[in-house]
């Protein structure tokens, strides 16, 4: 669960600020004077005895306070507010284990990456790395298998860990005895997912061979996964043909075989889907499809609170107006 908070300032009635244009108009009208009265004297000497003319004490200060009062009241009318917006994001991520075949047949270079020849394992690691980067809210684990399975990385949210030497870096050919233990790989991955509380648990199994190792048959492993509420997607990678792979005792000829029937049955039993990838672009499309089918559920709850500020501007405006009224009756009155 993630809490996102944001505070902004806004005017609920910004149109009211247009009334500020009346203030300079009033100032212009106030400055205009009508026709002045005149008294005719036969001589100006009598006026000299009156001394200098007395000026009003208010001067420009009275007008300034009056206009400040108007401006403050108009600002209050525009209803300034602090808007506090909080959003609670609840994510129901997918718990997912990538089971990757690391038998010696994965050395066959029938894939290409950016125009260069690449073996099946290199292509698989490249595509799974991109897949991992796109699953930002999911816990992902990596399980490698050949003659037996081994855990390359436990379930984690850390994409840096999964892509680093403790994740995909441990997915290598030759770390365990050769073979293809598909049933054992599914069972080992299911065991890791069994006690997880996630609503969606998934195994993506990628292999280029036929089950020929391990004590548990693949079909029985698929039934176990279904009982635990785990979906299994199976991917067969590679092309048919005769190849040569390196082994500890030297080069060895390999005739490529796929047990598509078993892989399809595994996916059907465990409510998943079977795919076949013969090149890197095809493998990428498969992972994109799985990404679409296993979407993370995200719930958003938005709460908006407003803190009204108009009363402060109204108080200031009334204060300036009160000073103007009191001044008119006291210290700003014209003296004779």
Protein backbone atom coordinates (compact mmCIF):
# COMPACT_ATOMS: atom_id res chain seq x y z
CA UNK A 1 0.00 0.00 0.00
CA UNK A 2 1.35 3.43 -1.00
CA UNK A 3 0.20 6.86 0.23
CA UNK A 4 0.66 9.79 -2.16
CA UNK A 5 0.01 13.31 -0.81
CA UNK A 6 0.00 16.69 -2.53
CA UNK A 7 -0.90 20.22 -1.37
CA UNK A 8 -1.72 23.03 -3.81
CA UNK A 9 -3.11 26.59 -3.65
CA UNK A 10 -6.13 27.53 -5.73
CA UNK A 11 -8.92 30.09 -6.07
CA UNK A 12 -12.43 28.62 -6.01
CA UNK A 13 -13.87 31.72 -7.75
CA UNK A 14 -11.00 33.27 -9.74
CA UNK A 15 -13.45 35.35 -11.79
CA UNK A 16 -13.88 37.61 -8.75
CA UNK A 17 -10.35 38.96 -9.26
CA UNK A 18 -11.72 40.82 -12.27
CA UNK A 19 -13.33 43.22 -9.79
CA UNK A 20 -9.83 44.50 -8.97
CA UNK A 21 -10.05 46.48 -12.22
CA UNK A 22 -12.64 48.69 -10.50
CA UNK A 23 -10.02 50.03 -8.07
CA UNK A 24 -7.95 52.02 -10.62
CA UNK A 25 -11.25 53.17 -12.17
CA UNK A 26 -12.39 54.51 -8.79
CA UNK A 27 -9.02 56.18 -8.34
CA UNK A 28 -9.45 57.98 -11.66
CA UNK A 29 -13.00 59.07 -10.81
CA UNK A 30 -11.90 60.20 -7.36
CA UNK A 31 -9.18 62.36 -8.91
CA UNK A 32 -11.62 64.23 -11.10
CA UNK A 33 -12.91 67.46 -9.55
CA UNK A 34 -15.96 69.43 -10.49
CA UNK A 35 -16.26 73.17 -11.09
CA UNK A 36 -14.84 75.06 -8.12
CA UNK A 37 -16.86 77.81 -6.46
CA UNK A 38 -15.45 81.35 -6.35
CA UNK A 39 -15.98 84.46 -4.22
CA UNK A 40 -15.19 87.88 -5.70
CA UNK A 41 -13.18 90.23 -3.49
CA UNK A 42 -12.31 93.79 -4.29
CA UNK A 43 -8.87 93.23 -2.86
CA UNK A 44 -6.74 90.20 -1.94
CA UNK A 45 -5.13 91.91 1.04
CA UNK A 46 -7.89 90.69 3.33
CA UNK A 47 -7.09 87.08 2.45
CA UNK A 48 -3.46 87.49 3.46
CA UNK A 49 -4.57 87.84 7.07
CA UNK A 50 -6.02 84.32 7.02
CA UNK A 51 -2.57 82.80 6.73
CA UNK A 52 -1.72 79.63 4.72
CA UNK A 53 -4.48 77.24 3.69
CA UNK A 54 -4.94 74.23 5.96
CA UNK A 55 -4.56 70.87 4.24
CA UNK A 56 -6.44 67.73 5.19
CA UNK A 57 -4.42 65.28 7.27
CA UNK A 58 -5.63 62.24 5.40
CA UNK A 59 -3.97 63.05 2.10
CA UNK A 60 -3.25 59.94 0.00
CA UNK A 61 -3.20 57.63 3.04
CA UNK A 62 -7.00 57.59 3.30
CA UNK A 63 -7.40 56.50 -0.32
CA UNK A 64 -4.66 53.89 0.07
CA UNK A 65 -6.42 52.29 3.06
CA UNK A 66 -9.76 52.44 1.27
CA UNK A 67 -8.35 50.68 -1.82
CA UNK A 68 -6.53 48.10 0.33
CA UNK A 69 -9.84 47.33 2.02
CA UNK A 70 -11.54 46.83 -1.34
CA UNK A 71 -8.68 44.68 -2.68
CA UNK A 72 -8.73 42.44 0.42
CA UNK A 73 -12.50 41.96 0.25
CA UNK A 74 -12.29 41.10 -3.47
CA UNK A 75 -9.54 38.58 -2.71
CA UNK A 76 -11.81 37.04 -0.06
CA UNK A 77 -14.60 36.86 -2.64
CA UNK A 78 -12.27 34.80 -4.89
CA UNK A 79 -12.14 32.16 -2.09
CA UNK A 80 -8.45 31.25 -1.81
CA UNK A 81 -7.92 27.67 -0.58
CA UNK A 82 -5.24 25.16 0.31
CA UNK A 83 -6.23 21.87 -1.35
CA UNK A 84 -4.87 18.73 0.29
CA UNK A 85 -5.12 15.71 -2.03
CA UNK A 86 -4.16 12.25 -0.78
CA UNK A 87 -4.25 9.05 -2.81
CA UNK A 88 -3.97 5.55 -1.41
CA UNK A 89 -2.72 3.01 -3.95
CA UNK A 90 -3.28 -0.62 -3.02
CA UNK A 91 -1.43 -3.09 -5.22
CA UNK A 92 -2.21 -6.79 -5.43
CA UNK A 93 0.91 -8.03 -7.16
CA UNK A 94 1.66 -11.37 -8.77
CA UNK A 95 3.97 -13.92 -7.15
CA UNK A 96 5.91 -15.36 -10.07
CA UNK A 97 8.78 -17.81 -10.51
CA UNK A 98 10.75 -18.06 -13.74
CA UNK A 99 11.98 -21.65 -14.21
CA UNK A 100 14.75 -21.63 -16.83
CA UNK A 101 16.33 -24.68 -18.41
CA UNK A 102 20.16 -24.67 -18.15
CA UNK A 103 20.85 -28.07 -19.72
CA UNK A 104 23.71 -28.26 -22.23
CA UNK A 105 21.36 -28.12 -25.19
CA UNK A 106 20.70 -24.48 -24.25
CA UNK A 107 24.17 -23.75 -25.73
CA UNK A 108 22.81 -24.19 -29.27
CA UNK A 109 23.23 -20.91 -31.17
CA UNK A 110 20.00 -20.76 -33.16
CA UNK A 111 18.95 -17.33 -31.84
CA UNK A 112 20.13 -13.81 -32.66
CA UNK A 113 20.42 -10.72 -30.46
CA UNK A 114 20.83 -7.38 -32.25
CA UNK A 115 22.03 -9.15 -35.39
CA UNK A 116 24.62 -11.35 -33.66
CA UNK A 117 24.39 -15.10 -33.09
CA UNK A 118 23.34 -16.05 -29.56
CA UNK A 119 22.60 -19.30 -27.80
CA UNK A 120 19.21 -20.16 -26.34
CA UNK A 121 20.18 -19.34 -22.78
CA UNK A 122 21.52 -15.90 -23.73
CA UNK A 123 18.28 -15.12 -25.55
CA UNK A 124 16.19 -16.42 -22.63
CA UNK A 125 18.12 -14.30 -20.11
CA UNK A 126 17.86 -11.19 -22.27
CA UNK A 127 14.09 -11.51 -22.68
CA UNK A 128 13.46 -12.42 -19.02
CA UNK A 129 15.53 -9.41 -17.94
CA UNK A 130 13.23 -7.11 -19.94
CA UNK A 131 10.20 -8.92 -18.52
CA UNK A 132 11.45 -8.46 -14.94
CA UNK A 133 11.96 -4.71 -15.46
CA UNK A 134 8.34 -4.33 -16.51
CA UNK A 135 6.88 -6.09 -13.44
CA UNK A 136 7.58 -3.31 -10.94
CA UNK A 137 5.06 -4.39 -8.25
CA UNK A 138 5.49 -8.16 -8.42
CA UNK A 139 7.66 -10.50 -6.39
CA UNK A 140 9.70 -12.60 -8.77
CA UNK A 141 11.96 -15.57 -8.13
CA UNK A 142 14.34 -17.39 -10.50
CA UNK A 143 14.76 -21.14 -10.52
CA UNK A 144 17.23 -22.85 -12.86
CA UNK A 145 17.11 -26.52 -13.66
CA UNK A 146 18.96 -29.20 -15.59
CA UNK A 147 19.30 -32.70 -14.09
CA UNK A 148 17.81 -31.16 -10.92
CA UNK A 149 16.50 -27.70 -9.96
CA UNK A 150 18.33 -25.06 -7.94
CA UNK A 151 17.10 -21.69 -6.68
CA UNK A 152 18.99 -18.86 -8.36
CA UNK A 153 17.04 -16.13 -6.54
CA UNK A 154 14.25 -16.23 -3.94
CA UNK A 155 11.06 -14.24 -4.48
CA UNK A 156 11.88 -10.55 -4.20
CA UNK A 157 10.68 -7.08 -5.25
CA UNK A 158 14.26 -5.94 -5.93
CA UNK A 159 14.78 -5.81 -9.67
CA UNK A 160 18.46 -4.92 -9.14
CA UNK A 161 18.92 -8.15 -7.18
CA UNK A 162 17.18 -10.24 -9.86
CA UNK A 163 19.27 -8.76 -12.66
CA UNK A 164 22.53 -8.90 -10.72
CA UNK A 165 25.04 -11.66 -9.94
CA UNK A 166 22.74 -13.17 -7.29
CA UNK A 167 19.85 -13.50 -9.73
CA UNK A 168 20.22 -14.02 -13.46
CA UNK A 169 23.97 -14.12 -12.92
CA UNK A 170 23.57 -17.55 -11.29
CA UNK A 171 21.62 -18.95 -14.22
CA UNK A 172 24.49 -20.83 -15.89
CA UNK A 173 25.08 -24.07 -17.72
CA UNK A 174 27.10 -26.65 -15.81
CA UNK A 175 26.27 -25.69 -12.21
CA UNK A 176 24.39 -28.98 -11.75
CA UNK A 177 24.45 -32.32 -13.55
CA UNK A 178 23.08 -32.32 -17.05
CA UNK A 179 19.56 -33.43 -17.91
CA UNK A 180 16.06 -31.94 -18.10
CA UNK A 181 14.03 -32.42 -14.92
CA UNK A 182 10.83 -30.59 -15.87
CA UNK A 183 8.63 -32.26 -13.25
CA UNK A 184 11.11 -31.54 -10.43
CA UNK A 185 11.43 -27.91 -11.57
CA UNK A 186 7.65 -27.36 -11.44
CA UNK A 187 7.43 -29.03 -8.02
CA UNK A 188 10.31 -26.94 -6.60
CA UNK A 189 8.77 -23.70 -7.90
CA UNK A 190 5.31 -24.68 -6.58
CA UNK A 191 6.79 -25.37 -3.15
CA UNK A 192 8.22 -21.84 -3.08
CA UNK A 193 4.84 -20.33 -3.99
CA UNK A 194 2.69 -22.57 -1.78
CA UNK A 195 2.71 -20.50 1.42
CA UNK A 196 2.56 -17.10 -0.27
CA UNK A 197 -0.53 -14.94 0.40
CA UNK A 198 -0.77 -13.47 -3.10
CA UNK A 199 -4.05 -13.94 -4.99
CA UNK A 200 -2.15 -14.79 -8.17
CA UNK A 201 0.70 -17.33 -8.28
CA UNK A 202 2.43 -18.16 -11.54
CA UNK A 203 5.22 -20.37 -12.87
CA UNK A 204 6.75 -19.60 -16.26
CA UNK A 205 8.75 -22.65 -17.39
CA UNK A 206 11.15 -22.28 -20.29
CA UNK A 207 12.82 -25.38 -21.74
CA UNK A 208 14.26 -26.78 -24.97
CA UNK A 209 14.09 -30.46 -24.20
CA UNK A 210 12.23 -33.55 -23.07
CA UNK A 211 11.86 -34.55 -19.43
CA UNK A 212 14.59 -37.16 -18.81
CA UNK A 213 15.59 -36.63 -15.17
CA UNK A 214 14.05 -36.22 -11.74
CA UNK A 215 11.74 -38.50 -9.76
CA UNK A 216 8.47 -36.62 -10.37
CA UNK A 217 6.70 -36.88 -13.76
CA UNK A 218 5.78 -33.48 -15.30
CA UNK A 219 2.04 -34.28 -15.44
CA UNK A 220 1.94 -35.11 -11.73
CA UNK A 221 3.81 -31.88 -10.99
CA UNK A 222 1.23 -29.94 -13.04
CA UNK A 223 -1.61 -31.51 -11.04
CA UNK A 224 0.17 -30.51 -7.83
CA UNK A 225 0.49 -26.93 -9.04
CA UNK A 226 -3.20 -26.79 -9.91
CA UNK A 227 -4.14 -28.11 -6.44
CA UNK A 228 -2.12 -25.24 -4.93
CA UNK A 229 -3.82 -22.66 -7.15
CA UNK A 230 -0.72 -22.02 -9.25
CA UNK A 231 -0.91 -21.36 -13.00
CA UNK A 232 1.87 -22.76 -15.21
CA UNK A 233 2.89 -21.26 -18.55
CA UNK A 234 5.21 -23.44 -20.64
CA UNK A 235 7.56 -22.22 -23.38
CA UNK A 236 9.47 -24.46 -25.78
CA UNK A 237 12.51 -22.63 -27.24
CA UNK A 238 14.72 -23.54 -30.17
CA UNK A 239 14.49 -25.11 -33.61
CA UNK A 240 14.61 -28.69 -34.84
CA UNK A 241 17.87 -29.96 -36.29
CA UNK A 242 21.24 -31.58 -35.58
CA UNK A 243 23.68 -29.56 -33.49
CA UNK A 244 27.02 -29.87 -31.70
CA UNK A 245 27.37 -28.73 -28.07
CA UNK A 246 30.36 -28.59 -25.77
CA UNK A 247 30.52 -31.01 -22.83
CA UNK A 248 33.20 -31.75 -20.20
CA UNK A 249 34.39 -34.63 -22.39
CA UNK A 250 34.46 -32.62 -25.60
CA UNK A 251 32.04 -31.79 -28.43
CA UNK A 252 28.91 -33.89 -28.61
CA UNK A 253 26.32 -34.22 -31.35
CA UNK A 254 22.76 -33.34 -30.41
CA UNK A 255 19.52 -34.03 -32.22
CA UNK A 256 16.95 -31.51 -31.06
CA UNK A 257 13.76 -32.94 -29.60
CA UNK A 258 10.73 -31.23 -28.08
CA UNK A 259 7.98 -32.83 -26.06
CA UNK A 260 5.32 -30.33 -27.11
CA UNK A 261 2.52 -32.72 -26.16
CA UNK A 262 3.65 -32.85 -22.53
CA UNK A 263 4.25 -29.09 -22.32
CA UNK A 264 0.77 -28.42 -23.71
CA UNK A 265 -0.77 -30.84 -21.23
CA UNK A 266 1.07 -29.20 -18.33
CA UNK A 267 -0.31 -25.79 -19.33
CA UNK A 268 -3.83 -27.16 -19.79
CA UNK A 269 -3.88 -28.91 -16.41
CA UNK A 270 -2.46 -25.90 -14.53
CA UNK A 271 -4.74 -23.32 -16.22
CA UNK A 272 -1.87 -21.73 -18.12
CA UNK A 273 -0.91 -21.67 -21.78
CA UNK A 274 1.69 -23.25 -24.03
CA UNK A 275 3.98 -21.25 -26.36
CA UNK A 276 6.66 -22.06 -28.91
CA UNK A 277 9.56 -19.67 -29.59
CA UNK A 278 11.95 -20.23 -32.50
CA UNK A 279 13.66 -16.84 -32.42
CA UNK A 280 14.29 -13.92 -30.06
CA UNK A 281 11.44 -11.75 -31.36
CA UNK A 282 9.02 -14.65 -30.92
CA UNK A 283 10.24 -15.17 -27.37
CA UNK A 284 9.77 -11.46 -26.66
CA UNK A 285 6.17 -11.58 -27.94
CA UNK A 286 5.45 -14.57 -25.71
CA UNK A 287 6.64 -12.75 -22.61
CA UNK A 288 4.61 -9.70 -23.64
CA UNK A 289 1.51 -11.91 -23.86
CA UNK A 290 2.19 -13.38 -20.44
CA UNK A 291 2.70 -9.86 -19.12
CA UNK A 292 -0.73 -8.90 -20.46
CA UNK A 293 -2.44 -12.01 -19.07
CA UNK A 294 -0.95 -11.63 -15.59
CA UNK A 295 -1.81 -8.02 -14.84
CA UNK A 296 -1.28 -6.61 -11.37
CA UNK A 297 -4.50 -5.39 -9.71
CA UNK A 298 -4.20 -1.76 -8.59
CA UNK A 299 -6.88 -0.03 -6.48
CA UNK A 300 -6.80 3.74 -6.01
CA UNK A 301 -8.68 5.74 -3.39
CA UNK A 302 -8.53 9.55 -3.63
CA UNK A 303 -9.40 11.94 -0.81
CA UNK A 304 -9.56 15.73 -1.21
CA UNK A 305 -9.71 18.22 1.69
CA UNK A 306 -9.87 22.02 1.37
CA UNK A 307 -8.70 24.59 3.89
CA UNK A 308 -10.56 27.89 3.28
CA UNK A 309 -8.49 31.08 3.57
CA UNK A 310 -11.10 33.70 2.55
CA UNK A 311 -11.89 34.70 6.14
CA UNK A 312 -8.32 35.95 6.68
CA UNK A 313 -8.61 38.27 3.67
CA UNK A 314 -12.06 39.38 4.83
CA UNK A 315 -10.72 40.23 8.28
CA UNK A 316 -7.87 42.25 6.74
CA UNK A 317 -10.30 44.05 4.45
CA UNK A 318 -12.66 44.89 7.30
CA UNK A 319 -9.67 46.10 9.31
CA UNK A 320 -8.59 48.53 6.59
CA UNK A 321 -12.22 49.67 6.17
CA UNK A 322 -12.59 50.26 9.93
CA UNK A 323 -9.40 52.33 10.00
CA UNK A 324 -10.75 54.43 7.11
CA UNK A 325 -14.12 55.07 8.82
CA UNK A 326 -12.55 55.93 12.19
CA UNK A 327 -9.99 58.14 10.49
CA UNK A 328 -12.72 60.05 8.67
CA UNK A 329 -14.30 60.90 12.03
CA UNK A 330 -11.08 61.61 13.94
CA UNK A 331 -7.48 62.10 12.82
CA UNK A 332 -8.20 62.41 9.08
CA UNK A 333 -10.88 65.08 9.36
CA UNK A 334 -10.20 68.35 7.58
CA UNK A 335 -9.45 71.25 9.85
CA UNK A 336 -10.79 74.75 9.04
